[in-house]
Each structure stands twice: as structure tokens, then as C-alpha cells.
Amino acid sequence: MSTESEESIYERVARLEDEIASLKNEIDVIKSALRNKIARYEISQIKGGKDIASIID
């Protein structure tokens, strides 16, 4: 059933955990970029004299 060239369950789990960690990091980068974009938009609205409520808490 199993050959040496096949990935063990432990190797597969470890690889998937690494992929999950990488994806979480990418999500954090995207969230940070969106927060920055929202903050820049809010600043431009405030400079334009508009009263806004922040959507970032």
C-alpha cells in the first residue's frame, strides 16, 4: 500500500501546517494594506471637510 516515495501522514500534516502559516501571513499583509487604504481615504475625506466615522476599530 505504501512506498518509501510516498509522503507520510506526519510529513503531509507538517507541509499543510506550513501552507496554513503562509496563507495566514498573506491574509495579514492584505488586511494591513486594506486598513492603510481605508485610513488614506478617511484622511482625504476629513481634509475635504467631511465628517466621517471610522470603519476601522
N, C-alpha and C. Protein backbone atom coordinates (compact mmCIF):
# COMPACT_ATOMS: atom_id res chain seq x y z
N MET A 1 0.82 -1.20 0.00
CA MET A 1 0.00 0.00 0.00
C MET A 1 0.86 1.27 0.00
N SER A 2 1.87 1.29 0.85
CA SER A 2 2.67 2.49 0.98
C SER A 2 4.09 2.23 0.50
N THR A 3 4.65 3.16 -0.23
CA THR A 3 6.03 3.03 -0.67
C THR A 3 6.84 4.14 -0.03
N GLU A 4 8.18 3.99 -0.10
CA GLU A 4 9.05 4.98 0.51
C GLU A 4 8.90 6.35 -0.15
N SER A 5 8.55 6.38 -1.43
CA SER A 5 8.44 7.66 -2.13
C SER A 5 7.18 8.43 -1.74
N GLU A 6 6.23 7.75 -1.11
CA GLU A 6 5.01 8.43 -0.70
C GLU A 6 5.25 9.24 0.57
N GLU A 7 4.53 10.30 0.69
CA GLU A 7 4.64 11.19 1.83
C GLU A 7 3.92 10.55 3.03
N SER A 8 4.60 10.57 4.19
CA SER A 8 3.95 10.03 5.39
C SER A 8 2.88 11.02 5.85
N ILE A 9 1.98 10.53 6.67
CA ILE A 9 0.91 11.40 7.19
C ILE A 9 1.51 12.56 7.99
N TYR A 10 2.59 12.30 8.70
CA TYR A 10 3.23 13.34 9.51
C TYR A 10 3.89 14.40 8.63
N GLU A 11 4.50 13.96 7.54
CA GLU A 11 5.10 14.91 6.60
C GLU A 11 4.02 15.76 5.93
N ARG A 12 2.93 15.09 5.59
CA ARG A 12 1.81 15.82 4.95
C ARG A 12 1.22 16.85 5.89
N VAL A 13 1.00 16.46 7.16
CA VAL A 13 0.45 17.39 8.15
C VAL A 13 1.41 18.56 8.34
N ALA A 14 2.70 18.28 8.43
CA ALA A 14 3.69 19.34 8.61
C ALA A 14 3.68 20.29 7.41
N ARG A 15 3.59 19.72 6.20
CA ARG A 15 3.56 20.57 5.00
C ARG A 15 2.30 21.42 4.97
N LEU A 16 1.16 20.84 5.34
CA LEU A 16 -0.09 21.60 5.35
C LEU A 16 -0.06 22.69 6.42
N GLU A 17 0.55 22.40 7.57
CA GLU A 17 0.68 23.43 8.60
C GLU A 17 1.53 24.59 8.10
N ASP A 18 2.59 24.29 7.36
CA ASP A 18 3.42 25.35 6.77
C ASP A 18 2.62 26.19 5.77
N GLU A 19 1.81 25.51 4.96
CA GLU A 19 0.98 26.23 3.99
C GLU A 19 -0.04 27.12 4.70
N ILE A 20 -0.62 26.63 5.78
CA ILE A 20 -1.59 27.43 6.55
C ILE A 20 -0.91 28.66 7.12
N ALA A 21 0.28 28.49 7.69
CA ALA A 21 1.02 29.63 8.25
C ALA A 21 1.33 30.65 7.17
N SER A 22 1.70 30.18 5.99
CA SER A 22 1.99 31.09 4.88
C SER A 22 0.74 31.85 4.45
N LEU A 23 -0.38 31.16 4.35
CA LEU A 23 -1.63 31.81 3.97
C LEU A 23 -2.08 32.83 5.01
N LYS A 24 -1.91 32.49 6.29
CA LYS A 24 -2.26 33.45 7.35
C LYS A 24 -1.42 34.70 7.23
N ASN A 25 -0.14 34.54 6.91
CA ASN A 25 0.73 35.70 6.73
C ASN A 25 0.26 36.56 5.56
N GLU A 26 -0.11 35.92 4.45
CA GLU A 26 -0.61 36.66 3.29
C GLU A 26 -1.89 37.42 3.64
N ILE A 27 -2.77 36.81 4.40
CA ILE A 27 -4.00 37.46 4.83
C ILE A 27 -3.69 38.68 5.68
N ASP A 28 -2.72 38.55 6.60
CA ASP A 28 -2.33 39.68 7.44
C ASP A 28 -1.80 40.84 6.60
N VAL A 29 -1.03 40.53 5.57
CA VAL A 29 -0.49 41.58 4.69
C VAL A 29 -1.63 42.27 3.95
N ILE A 30 -2.58 41.51 3.45
CA ILE A 30 -3.73 42.09 2.73
C ILE A 30 -4.57 42.94 3.67
N LYS A 31 -4.82 42.45 4.88
CA LYS A 31 -5.61 43.23 5.85
C LYS A 31 -4.91 44.55 6.17
N SER A 32 -3.61 44.51 6.33
CA SER A 32 -2.86 45.73 6.63
C SER A 32 -2.96 46.72 5.47
N ALA A 33 -2.82 46.21 4.26
CA ALA A 33 -2.92 47.08 3.08
C ALA A 33 -4.30 47.72 2.98
N LEU A 34 -5.34 46.94 3.26
CA LEU A 34 -6.70 47.49 3.21
C LEU A 34 -6.91 48.54 4.30
N ARG A 35 -6.39 48.27 5.49
CA ARG A 35 -6.51 49.27 6.56
C ARG A 35 -5.83 50.57 6.17
N ASN A 36 -4.65 50.47 5.56
CA ASN A 36 -3.94 51.67 5.11
C ASN A 36 -4.72 52.41 4.05
N LYS A 37 -5.31 51.67 3.13
CA LYS A 37 -6.10 52.30 2.07
C LYS A 37 -7.32 53.01 2.66
N ILE A 38 -7.99 52.37 3.61
CA ILE A 38 -9.15 52.98 4.26
C ILE A 38 -8.72 54.22 5.03
N ALA A 39 -7.61 54.14 5.74
CA ALA A 39 -7.12 55.29 6.51
C ALA A 39 -6.81 56.47 5.58
N ARG A 40 -6.16 56.18 4.44
CA ARG A 40 -5.87 57.27 3.48
C ARG A 40 -7.15 57.88 2.95
N TYR A 41 -8.15 57.07 2.68
CA TYR A 41 -9.44 57.58 2.21
C TYR A 41 -10.09 58.46 3.27
N GLU A 42 -10.08 57.99 4.51
CA GLU A 42 -10.68 58.78 5.59
C GLU A 42 -9.96 60.12 5.75
N ILE A 43 -8.65 60.11 5.67
CA ILE A 43 -7.88 61.35 5.79
C ILE A 43 -8.25 62.31 4.67
N SER A 44 -8.38 61.78 3.45
CA SER A 44 -8.74 62.66 2.33
C SER A 44 -10.14 63.24 2.52
N GLN A 45 -11.05 62.45 3.10
CA GLN A 45 -12.40 62.96 3.35
C GLN A 45 -12.38 64.04 4.43
N ILE A 46 -11.61 63.83 5.48
CA ILE A 46 -11.51 64.82 6.56
C ILE A 46 -10.89 66.11 6.02
N LYS A 47 -9.84 65.98 5.22
CA LYS A 47 -9.22 67.17 4.63
C LYS A 47 -10.20 67.91 3.73
N GLY A 48 -11.13 67.19 3.15
CA GLY A 48 -12.13 67.80 2.29
C GLY A 48 -13.30 68.38 3.07
N GLY A 49 -13.21 68.31 4.40
CA GLY A 49 -14.23 68.92 5.25
C GLY A 49 -15.39 68.03 5.59
N LYS A 50 -15.31 66.78 5.26
CA LYS A 50 -16.42 65.87 5.56
C LYS A 50 -16.21 65.24 6.94
N ASP A 51 -17.29 65.11 7.67
CA ASP A 51 -17.26 64.46 8.97
C ASP A 51 -17.54 62.98 8.76
N ILE A 52 -16.61 62.15 9.14
CA ILE A 52 -16.78 60.71 8.91
C ILE A 52 -16.58 59.96 10.22
N ALA A 53 -17.16 58.79 10.28
CA ALA A 53 -16.92 57.87 11.39
C ALA A 53 -16.03 56.77 10.86
N SER A 54 -14.96 56.49 11.54
CA SER A 54 -14.03 55.47 11.09
C SER A 54 -14.69 54.10 11.07
N ILE A 55 -14.39 53.33 10.03
CA ILE A 55 -14.91 51.96 9.98
C ILE A 55 -13.85 50.97 10.47
N ILE A 56 -12.70 51.49 10.87
CA ILE A 56 -11.65 50.64 11.41
C ILE A 56 -11.64 50.82 12.92
N ASP A 57 -11.86 49.75 13.63
CA ASP A 57 -11.79 49.80 15.09
C ASP A 57 -10.79 48.81 15.61
